[in-house]
Amino acid sequence: MDLLKFLNSKPNSKDVAKERLKLILIHDRVNVSPNFLEMVKWDIIKVISDYMDIDEEGLDIKLTDTKREDNTVVPALVANIPIKKVKYVNK
């Protein structure tokens, strides 16, 4: 029953605010604006569209932190791209 509560629960405002602040700090550290991230998103869509049909509304691109093998933390661009159909490309 606890699993159902977890799946149906909404994140509390504290967690949402914490995640937003984390994203702001990452954006600030790598010195990119939300406009820049939007331009990257559309460039990715343009390139990928030659090879597959994607769900542009479901596309999610964000900056986050990741650890390298030496445990240093570096910013990372993470893209979640829902694919509708792969196109056959004969080049």
PDB file of N, CA and C in Angstrom:
ATOM      1  N   MET A   1       0.817  -1.194   0.000  1.00  0.00           N
ATOM      2  CA  MET A   1       0.000   0.000   0.000  1.00  0.00           C
ATOM      3  C   MET A   1       0.860   1.257   0.000  1.00  0.00           C
ATOM      4  N   ASP A   2       1.997   1.231   0.670  1.00  0.00           N
ATOM      5  CA  ASP A   2       2.879   2.392   0.697  1.00  0.00           C
ATOM      6  C   ASP A   2       3.413   2.720  -0.687  1.00  0.00           C
ATOM      7  N   LEU A   3       3.616   1.690  -1.511  1.00  0.00           N
ATOM      8  CA  LEU A   3       4.087   1.909  -2.875  1.00  0.00           C
ATOM      9  C   LEU A   3       3.071   2.719  -3.667  1.00  0.00           C
ATOM     10  N   LEU A   4       1.787   2.418  -3.498  1.00  0.00           N
ATOM     11  CA  LEU A   4       0.738   3.174  -4.196  1.00  0.00           C
ATOM     12  C   LEU A   4       0.717   4.626  -3.744  1.00  0.00           C
ATOM     13  N   LYS A   5       0.898   4.849  -2.461  1.00  0.00           N
ATOM     14  CA  LYS A   5       0.958   6.223  -1.946  1.00  0.00           C
ATOM     15  C   LYS A   5       2.131   6.972  -2.566  1.00  0.00           C
ATOM     16  N   PHE A   6       3.283   6.278  -2.670  1.00  0.00           N
ATOM     17  CA  PHE A   6       4.482   6.893  -3.247  1.00  0.00           C
ATOM     18  C   PHE A   6       4.256   7.256  -4.708  1.00  0.00           C
ATOM     19  N   LEU A   7       3.650   6.344  -5.466  1.00  0.00           N
ATOM     20  CA  LEU A   7       3.432   6.584  -6.894  1.00  0.00           C
ATOM     21  C   LEU A   7       2.407   7.680  -7.146  1.00  0.00           C
ATOM     22  N   ASN A   8       1.440   7.812  -6.268  1.00  0.00           N
ATOM     23  CA  ASN A   8       0.393   8.815  -6.442  1.00  0.00           C
ATOM     24  C   ASN A   8       0.720  10.151  -5.782  1.00  0.00           C
ATOM     25  N   SER A   9       1.786  10.192  -5.011  1.00  0.00           N
ATOM     26  CA  SER A   9       2.106  11.413  -4.276  1.00  0.00           C
ATOM     27  C   SER A   9       2.721  12.467  -5.183  1.00  0.00           C
ATOM     28  N   LYS A  10       2.418  13.701  -4.864  1.00  0.00           N
ATOM     29  CA  LYS A  10       3.005  14.824  -5.586  1.00  0.00           C
ATOM     30  C   LYS A  10       4.211  15.311  -4.783  1.00  0.00           C
ATOM     31  N   PRO A  11       5.240  15.811  -5.489  1.00  0.00           N
ATOM     32  CA  PRO A  11       6.392  16.320  -4.735  1.00  0.00           C
ATOM     33  C   PRO A  11       5.982  17.546  -3.920  1.00  0.00           C
ATOM     34  N   ASN A  12       6.528  17.659  -2.720  1.00  0.00           N
ATOM     35  CA  ASN A  12       6.165  18.818  -1.910  1.00  0.00           C
ATOM     36  C   ASN A  12       6.911  20.057  -2.404  1.00  0.00           C
ATOM     37  N   SER A  13       6.450  21.212  -1.990  1.00  0.00           N
ATOM     38  CA  SER A  13       7.013  22.468  -2.495  1.00  0.00           C
ATOM     39  C   SER A  13       8.486  22.626  -2.128  1.00  0.00           C
ATOM     40  N   LYS A  14       8.886  22.064  -1.002  1.00  0.00           N
ATOM     41  CA  LYS A  14      10.297  22.128  -0.600  1.00  0.00           C
ATOM     42  C   LYS A  14      11.178  21.417  -1.621  1.00  0.00           C
ATOM     43  N   ASP A  15      10.770  20.217  -2.045  1.00  0.00           N
ATOM     44  CA  ASP A  15      11.554  19.457  -3.013  1.00  0.00           C
ATOM     45  C   ASP A  15      11.574  20.130  -4.385  1.00  0.00           C
ATOM     46  N   VAL A  16      10.447  20.693  -4.782  1.00  0.00           N
ATOM     47  CA  VAL A  16      10.375  21.402  -6.062  1.00  0.00           C
ATOM     48  C   VAL A  16      11.295  22.619  -6.041  1.00  0.00           C
ATOM     49  N   ALA A  17      11.251  23.388  -4.958  1.00  0.00           N
ATOM     50  CA  ALA A  17      12.105  24.566  -4.830  1.00  0.00           C
ATOM     51  C   ALA A  17      13.579  24.181  -4.815  1.00  0.00           C
ATOM     52  N   LYS A  18      13.893  23.091  -4.139  1.00  0.00           N
ATOM     53  CA  LYS A  18      15.275  22.616  -4.071  1.00  0.00           C
ATOM     54  C   LYS A  18      15.778  22.230  -5.459  1.00  0.00           C
ATOM     55  N   GLU A  19      14.945  21.528  -6.243  1.00  0.00           N
ATOM     56  CA  GLU A  19      15.322  21.133  -7.600  1.00  0.00           C
ATOM     57  C   GLU A  19      15.501  22.356  -8.503  1.00  0.00           C
ATOM     58  N   ARG A  20      14.614  23.334  -8.380  1.00  0.00           N
ATOM     59  CA  ARG A  20      14.733  24.563  -9.182  1.00  0.00           C
ATOM     60  C   ARG A  20      16.014  25.315  -8.844  1.00  0.00           C
ATOM     61  N   LEU A  21      16.325  25.426  -7.571  1.00  0.00           N
ATOM     62  CA  LEU A  21      17.550  26.107  -7.159  1.00  0.00           C
ATOM     63  C   LEU A  21      18.776  25.378  -7.684  1.00  0.00           C
ATOM     64  N   LYS A  22      18.754  24.057  -7.622  1.00  0.00           N
ATOM     65  CA  LYS A  22      19.865  23.262  -8.138  1.00  0.00           C
ATOM     66  C   LYS A  22      20.065  23.537  -9.628  1.00  0.00           C
ATOM     67  N   LEU A  23      18.982  23.577 -10.399  1.00  0.00           N
ATOM     68  CA  LEU A  23      19.081  23.855 -11.831  1.00  0.00           C
ATOM     69  C   LEU A  23      19.619  25.256 -12.093  1.00  0.00           C
ATOM     70  N   ILE A  24      19.179  26.222 -11.311  1.00  0.00           N
ATOM     71  CA  ILE A  24      19.665  27.599 -11.464  1.00  0.00           C
ATOM     72  C   ILE A  24      21.163  27.668 -11.196  1.00  0.00           C
ATOM     73  N   LEU A  25      21.613  26.989 -10.155  1.00  0.00           N
ATOM     74  CA  LEU A  25      23.041  26.991  -9.822  1.00  0.00           C
ATOM     75  C   LEU A  25      23.867  26.333 -10.925  1.00  0.00           C
ATOM     76  N   ILE A  26      23.357  25.241 -11.484  1.00  0.00           N
ATOM     77  CA  ILE A  26      24.073  24.566 -12.572  1.00  0.00           C
ATOM     78  C   ILE A  26      24.138  25.476 -13.792  1.00  0.00           C
ATOM     79  N   HIS A  27      23.010  26.106 -14.150  1.00  0.00           N
ATOM     80  CA  HIS A  27      22.995  27.023 -15.291  1.00  0.00           C
ATOM     81  C   HIS A  27      23.990  28.159 -15.079  1.00  0.00           C
ATOM     82  N   ASP A  28      24.012  28.674 -13.859  1.00  0.00           N
ATOM     83  CA  ASP A  28      24.916  29.780 -13.555  1.00  0.00           C
ATOM     84  C   ASP A  28      26.372  29.341 -13.645  1.00  0.00           C
ATOM     85  N   ARG A  29      26.668  28.152 -13.157  1.00  0.00           N
ATOM     86  CA  ARG A  29      28.045  27.671 -13.145  1.00  0.00           C
ATOM     87  C   ARG A  29      28.588  27.465 -14.560  1.00  0.00           C
ATOM     88  N   VAL A  30      27.755  26.960 -15.468  1.00  0.00           N
ATOM     89  CA  VAL A  30      28.225  26.744 -16.832  1.00  0.00           C
ATOM     90  C   VAL A  30      27.931  27.943 -17.722  1.00  0.00           C
ATOM     91  N   ASN A  31      27.313  28.957 -17.134  1.00  0.00           N
ATOM     92  CA  ASN A  31      27.093  30.234 -17.802  1.00  0.00           C
ATOM     93  C   ASN A  31      26.283  30.098 -19.102  1.00  0.00           C
ATOM     94  N   VAL A  32      25.153  29.396 -19.017  1.00  0.00           N
ATOM     95  CA  VAL A  32      24.246  29.322 -20.157  1.00  0.00           C
ATOM     96  C   VAL A  32      22.867  29.822 -19.730  1.00  0.00           C
ATOM     97  N   SER A  33      22.225  30.494 -20.647  1.00  0.00           N
ATOM     98  CA  SER A  33      20.894  31.024 -20.375  1.00  0.00           C
ATOM     99  C   SER A  33      19.843  29.997 -20.777  1.00  0.00           C
ATOM    100  N   PRO A  34      18.624  30.144 -20.265  1.00  0.00           N
ATOM    101  CA  PRO A  34      17.540  29.265 -20.710  1.00  0.00           C
ATOM    102  C   PRO A  34      17.316  29.379 -22.223  1.00  0.00           C
ATOM    103  N   ASN A  35      17.555  30.559 -22.785  1.00  0.00           N
ATOM    104  CA  ASN A  35      17.428  30.756 -24.226  1.00  0.00           C
ATOM    105  C   ASN A  35      18.450  29.902 -24.977  1.00  0.00           C
ATOM    106  N   PHE A  36      19.667  29.836 -24.457  1.00  0.00           N
ATOM    107  CA  PHE A  36      20.705  28.999 -25.069  1.00  0.00           C
ATOM    108  C   PHE A  36      20.289  27.533 -25.048  1.00  0.00           C
ATOM    109  N   LEU A  37      19.748  27.079 -23.919  1.00  0.00           N
ATOM    110  CA  LEU A  37      19.304  25.697 -23.802  1.00  0.00           C
ATOM    111  C   LEU A  37      18.167  25.414 -24.789  1.00  0.00           C
ATOM    112  N   GLU A  38      17.300  26.365 -25.007  1.00  0.00           N
ATOM    113  CA  GLU A  38      16.213  26.210 -25.978  1.00  0.00           C
ATOM    114  C   GLU A  38      16.772  26.111 -27.397  1.00  0.00           C
ATOM    115  N   MET A  39      17.800  26.896 -27.703  1.00  0.00           N
ATOM    116  CA  MET A  39      18.434  26.816 -29.029  1.00  0.00           C
ATOM    117  C   MET A  39      19.074  25.434 -29.227  1.00  0.00           C
ATOM    118  N   VAL A  40      19.723  24.913 -28.201  1.00  0.00           N
ATOM    119  CA  VAL A  40      20.321  23.578 -28.279  1.00  0.00           C
ATOM    120  C   VAL A  40      19.228  22.542 -28.523  1.00  0.00           C
ATOM    121  N   LYS A  41      18.114  22.686 -27.817  1.00  0.00           N
ATOM    122  CA  LYS A  41      16.993  21.763 -27.976  1.00  0.00           C
ATOM    123  C   LYS A  41      16.528  21.721 -29.428  1.00  0.00           C
ATOM    124  N   TRP A  42      16.348  22.879 -30.053  1.00  0.00           N
ATOM    125  CA  TRP A  42      15.852  22.908 -31.437  1.00  0.00           C
ATOM    126  C   TRP A  42      16.909  22.411 -32.419  1.00  0.00           C
ATOM    127  N   ASP A  43      18.173  22.638 -32.134  1.00  0.00           N
ATOM    128  CA  ASP A  43      19.227  22.079 -32.990  1.00  0.00           C
ATOM    129  C   ASP A  43      19.241  20.552 -32.918  1.00  0.00           C
ATOM    130  N   ILE A  44      19.052  20.013 -31.730  1.00  0.00           N
ATOM    131  CA  ILE A  44      18.995  18.560 -31.572  1.00  0.00           C
ATOM    132  C   ILE A  44      17.803  18.001 -32.335  1.00  0.00           C
ATOM    133  N   ILE A  45      16.662  18.651 -32.230  1.00  0.00           N
ATOM    134  CA  ILE A  45      15.463  18.218 -32.963  1.00  0.00           C
ATOM    135  C   ILE A  45      15.732  18.214 -34.462  1.00  0.00           C
ATOM    136  N   LYS A  46      16.371  19.268 -34.940  1.00  0.00           N
ATOM    137  CA  LYS A  46      16.644  19.392 -36.377  1.00  0.00           C
ATOM    138  C   LYS A  46      17.540  18.256 -36.863  1.00  0.00           C
ATOM    139  N   VAL A  47      18.568  17.933 -36.122  1.00  0.00           N
ATOM    140  CA  VAL A  47      19.511  16.886 -36.523  1.00  0.00           C
ATOM    141  C   VAL A  47      18.860  15.506 -36.435  1.00  0.00           C
ATOM    142  N   ILE A  48      18.209  15.225 -35.332  1.00  0.00           N
ATOM    143  CA  ILE A  48      17.615  13.902 -35.127  1.00  0.00           C
ATOM    144  C   ILE A  48      16.467  13.639 -36.085  1.00  0.00           C
ATOM    145  N   SER A  49      15.760  14.685 -36.495  1.00  0.00           N
ATOM    146  CA  SER A  49      14.602  14.526 -37.378  1.00  0.00           C
ATOM    147  C   SER A  49      14.964  13.921 -38.729  1.00  0.00           C
ATOM    148  N   ASP A  50      16.217  13.989 -39.130  1.00  0.00           N
ATOM    149  CA  ASP A  50      16.648  13.339 -40.366  1.00  0.00           C
ATOM    150  C   ASP A  50      16.622  11.820 -40.227  1.00  0.00           C
ATOM    151  N   TYR A  51      16.715  11.313 -39.025  1.00  0.00           N
ATOM    152  CA  TYR A  51      16.851   9.880 -38.789  1.00  0.00           C
ATOM    153  C   TYR A  51      15.646   9.229 -38.121  1.00  0.00           C
ATOM    154  N   MET A  52      14.830  10.017 -37.436  1.00  0.00           N
ATOM    155  CA  MET A  52      13.675   9.448 -36.742  1.00  0.00           C
ATOM    156  C   MET A  52      12.624  10.514 -36.475  1.00  0.00           C
ATOM    157  N   ASP A  53      11.385  10.055 -36.351  1.00  0.00           N
ATOM    158  CA  ASP A  53      10.304  10.935 -35.920  1.00  0.00           C
ATOM    159  C   ASP A  53      10.305  10.925 -34.400  1.00  0.00           C
ATOM    160  N   ILE A  54      10.320  12.114 -33.814  1.00  0.00           N
ATOM    161  CA  ILE A  54      10.355  12.204 -32.353  1.00  0.00           C
ATOM    162  C   ILE A  54       9.150  12.986 -31.857  1.00  0.00           C
ATOM    163  N   ASP A  55       8.833  12.795 -30.598  1.00  0.00           N
ATOM    164  CA  ASP A  55       7.765  13.536 -29.944  1.00  0.00           C
ATOM    165  C   ASP A  55       8.372  14.828 -29.395  1.00  0.00           C
ATOM    166  N   GLU A  56       8.247  15.907 -30.150  1.00  0.00           N
ATOM    167  CA  GLU A  56       8.874  17.174 -29.768  1.00  0.00           C
ATOM    168  C   GLU A  56       8.306  17.726 -28.464  1.00  0.00           C
ATOM    169  N   GLU A  57       7.027  17.484 -28.213  1.00  0.00           N
ATOM    170  CA  GLU A  57       6.414  17.970 -26.970  1.00  0.00           C
ATOM    171  C   GLU A  57       6.964  17.228 -25.752  1.00  0.00           C
ATOM    172  N   GLY A  58       7.323  15.960 -25.943  1.00  0.00           N
ATOM    173  CA  GLY A  58       7.835  15.158 -24.841  1.00  0.00           C
ATOM    174  C   GLY A  58       9.332  15.276 -24.634  1.00  0.00           C
ATOM    175  N   LEU A  59      10.012  16.000 -25.532  1.00  0.00           N
ATOM    176  CA  LEU A  59      11.454  16.173 -25.445  1.00  0.00           C
ATOM    177  C   LEU A  59      11.816  16.953 -24.187  1.00  0.00           C
ATOM    178  N   ASP A  60      12.756  16.443 -23.440  1.00  0.00           N
ATOM    179  CA  ASP A  60      13.187  17.096 -22.202  1.00  0.00           C
ATOM    180  C   ASP A  60      14.700  17.174 -22.202  1.00  0.00           C
ATOM    181  N   ILE A  61      15.211  18.403 -22.192  1.00  0.00           N
ATOM    182  CA  ILE A  61      16.658  18.619 -22.150  1.00  0.00           C
ATOM    183  C   ILE A  61      16.959  19.485 -20.934  1.00  0.00           C
ATOM    184  N   LYS A  62      17.936  19.044 -20.146  1.00  0.00           N
ATOM    185  CA  LYS A  62      18.280  19.823 -18.960  1.00  0.00           C
ATOM    186  C   LYS A  62      19.754  19.662 -18.632  1.00  0.00           C
ATOM    187  N   LEU A  63      20.232  20.590 -17.846  1.00  0.00           N
ATOM    188  CA  LEU A  63      21.592  20.504 -17.316  1.00  0.00           C
ATOM    189  C   LEU A  63      21.517  19.905 -15.928  1.00  0.00           C
ATOM    190  N   THR A  64      22.431  19.030 -15.638  1.00  0.00           N
ATOM    191  CA  THR A  64      22.493  18.411 -14.323  1.00  0.00           C
ATOM    192  C   THR A  64      23.957  18.171 -13.974  1.00  0.00           C
ATOM    193  N   ASP A  65      24.205  17.620 -12.827  1.00  0.00           N
ATOM    194  CA  ASP A  65      25.573  17.270 -12.416  1.00  0.00           C
ATOM    195  C   ASP A  65      25.806  15.790 -12.619  1.00  0.00           C
ATOM    196  N   THR A  66      27.024  15.427 -12.939  1.00  0.00           N
ATOM    197  CA  THR A  66      27.411  14.021 -13.028  1.00  0.00           C
ATOM    198  C   THR A  66      28.824  13.886 -12.477  1.00  0.00           C
ATOM    199  N   LYS A  67      29.146  12.689 -12.016  1.00  0.00           N
ATOM    200  CA  LYS A  67      30.485  12.434 -11.475  1.00  0.00           C
ATOM    201  C   LYS A  67      31.332  11.726 -12.512  1.00  0.00           C
ATOM    202  N   ARG A  68      32.564  12.170 -12.616  1.00  0.00           N
ATOM    203  CA  ARG A  68      33.547  11.485 -13.456  1.00  0.00           C
ATOM    204  C   ARG A  68      34.122  10.312 -12.680  1.00  0.00           C
ATOM    205  N   GLU A  69      34.954   9.537 -13.358  1.00  0.00           N
ATOM    206  CA  GLU A  69      35.584   8.393 -12.697  1.00  0.00           C
ATOM    207  C   GLU A  69      36.460   8.823 -11.524  1.00  0.00           C
ATOM    208  N   ASP A  70      37.024  10.042 -11.610  1.00  0.00           N
ATOM    209  CA  ASP A  70      37.879  10.519 -10.511  1.00  0.00           C
ATOM    210  C   ASP A  70      37.067  11.233  -9.420  1.00  0.00           C
ATOM    211  N   ASN A  71      35.727  11.086  -9.471  1.00  0.00           N
ATOM    212  CA  ASN A  71      34.783  11.648  -8.498  1.00  0.00           C
ATOM    213  C   ASN A  71      34.640  13.158  -8.546  1.00  0.00           C
ATOM    214  N   THR A  72      35.189  13.821  -9.564  1.00  0.00           N
ATOM    215  CA  THR A  72      34.913  15.243  -9.705  1.00  0.00           C
ATOM    216  C   THR A  72      33.523  15.405 -10.310  1.00  0.00           C
ATOM    217  N   VAL A  73      32.821  16.421  -9.851  1.00  0.00           N
ATOM    218  CA  VAL A  73      31.468  16.684 -10.334  1.00  0.00           C
ATOM    219  C   VAL A  73      31.541  17.706 -11.456  1.00  0.00           C
ATOM    220  N   VAL A  74      30.916  17.375 -12.579  1.00  0.00           N
ATOM    221  CA  VAL A  74      30.909  18.261 -13.742  1.00  0.00           C
ATOM    222  C   VAL A  74      29.479  18.389 -14.265  1.00  0.00           C
ATOM    223  N   PRO A  75      29.177  19.509 -14.917  1.00  0.00           N
ATOM    224  CA  PRO A  75      27.848  19.643 -15.509  1.00  0.00           C
ATOM    225  C   PRO A  75      27.682  18.676 -16.684  1.00  0.00           C
ATOM    226  N   ALA A  76      26.441  18.227 -16.905  1.00  0.00           N
ATOM    227  CA  ALA A  76      26.147  17.323 -18.009  1.00  0.00           C
ATOM    228  C   ALA A  76      24.833  17.745 -18.657  1.00  0.00           C
ATOM    229  N   LEU A  77      24.773  17.637 -19.960  1.00  0.00           N
ATOM    230  CA  LEU A  77      23.545  17.882 -20.697  1.00  0.00           C
ATOM    231  C   LEU A  77      22.839  16.542 -20.847  1.00  0.00           C
ATOM    232  N   VAL A  78      21.619  16.464 -20.344  1.00  0.00           N
ATOM    233  CA  VAL A  78      20.857  15.226 -20.377  1.00  0.00           C
ATOM    234  C   VAL A  78      19.633  15.443 -21.253  1.00  0.00           C
ATOM    235  N   ALA A  79      19.432  14.536 -22.216  1.00  0.00           N
ATOM    236  CA  ALA A  79      18.292  14.647 -23.119  1.00  0.00           C
ATOM    237  C   ALA A  79      17.450  13.373 -23.053  1.00  0.00           C
ATOM    238  N   ASN A  80      16.167  13.561 -22.851  1.00  0.00           N
ATOM    239  CA  ASN A  80      15.207  12.475 -22.907  1.00  0.00           C
ATOM    240  C   ASN A  80      14.372  12.723 -24.152  1.00  0.00           C
ATOM    241  N   ILE A  81      14.538  11.881 -25.175  1.00  0.00           N
ATOM    242  CA  ILE A  81      13.920  12.123 -26.482  1.00  0.00           C
ATOM    243  C   ILE A  81      13.010  10.949 -26.838  1.00  0.00           C
ATOM    244  N   PRO A  82      11.691  11.124 -26.677  1.00  0.00           N
ATOM    245  CA  PRO A  82      10.770  10.047 -27.052  1.00  0.00           C
ATOM    246  C   PRO A  82      10.761   9.847 -28.574  1.00  0.00           C
ATOM    247  N   ILE A  83      10.993   8.610 -29.006  1.00  0.00           N
ATOM    248  CA  ILE A  83      11.058   8.294 -30.435  1.00  0.00           C
ATOM    249  C   ILE A  83       9.736   7.681 -30.873  1.00  0.00           C
ATOM    250  N   LYS A  84       9.147   8.281 -31.918  1.00  0.00           N
ATOM    251  CA  LYS A  84       7.916   7.735 -32.487  1.00  0.00           C
ATOM    252  C   LYS A  84       8.226   6.636 -33.496  1.00  0.00           C
ATOM    253  N   LYS A  85       9.183   6.904 -34.375  1.00  0.00           N
ATOM    254  CA  LYS A  85       9.513   5.952 -35.438  1.00  0.00           C
ATOM    255  C   LYS A  85      10.901   6.240 -35.977  1.00  0.00           C
ATOM    256  N   VAL A  86      11.664   5.190 -36.218  1.00  0.00           N
ATOM    257  CA  VAL A  86      12.981   5.335 -36.830  1.00  0.00           C
ATOM    258  C   VAL A  86      12.793   5.315 -38.354  1.00  0.00           C
ATOM    259  N   LYS A  87      13.433   6.273 -39.007  1.00  0.00           N
ATOM    260  CA  LYS A  87      13.351   6.350 -40.472  1.00  0.00           C
ATOM    261  C   LYS A  87      14.470   5.519 -41.080  1.00  0.00           C
ATOM    262  N   TYR A  88      14.199   4.930 -42.215  1.00  0.00           N
ATOM    263  CA  TYR A  88      15.228   4.209 -42.933  1.00  0.00           C
ATOM    264  C   TYR A  88      15.985   5.220 -43.778  1.00  0.00           C
ATOM    265  N   VAL A  89      17.263   5.357 -43.548  1.00  0.00           N
ATOM    266  CA  VAL A  89      18.081   6.307 -44.282  1.00  0.00           C
ATOM    267  C   VAL A  89      19.111   5.515 -45.085  1.00  0.00           C
ATOM    268  N   ASN A  90      19.099   5.686 -46.395  1.00  0.00           N
ATOM    269  CA  ASN A  90      20.035   4.986 -47.255  1.00  0.00           C
ATOM    270  C   ASN A  90      21.012   6.007 -47.835  1.00  0.00           C
ATOM    271  N   LYS A  91      22.139   6.159 -47.162  1.00  0.00           N
ATOM    272  CA  LYS A  91      23.129   7.148 -47.614  1.00  0.00           C
ATOM    273  C   LYS A  91      24.391   6.467 -47.981  1.00  0.00           C
TER     274      LYS A  91
END
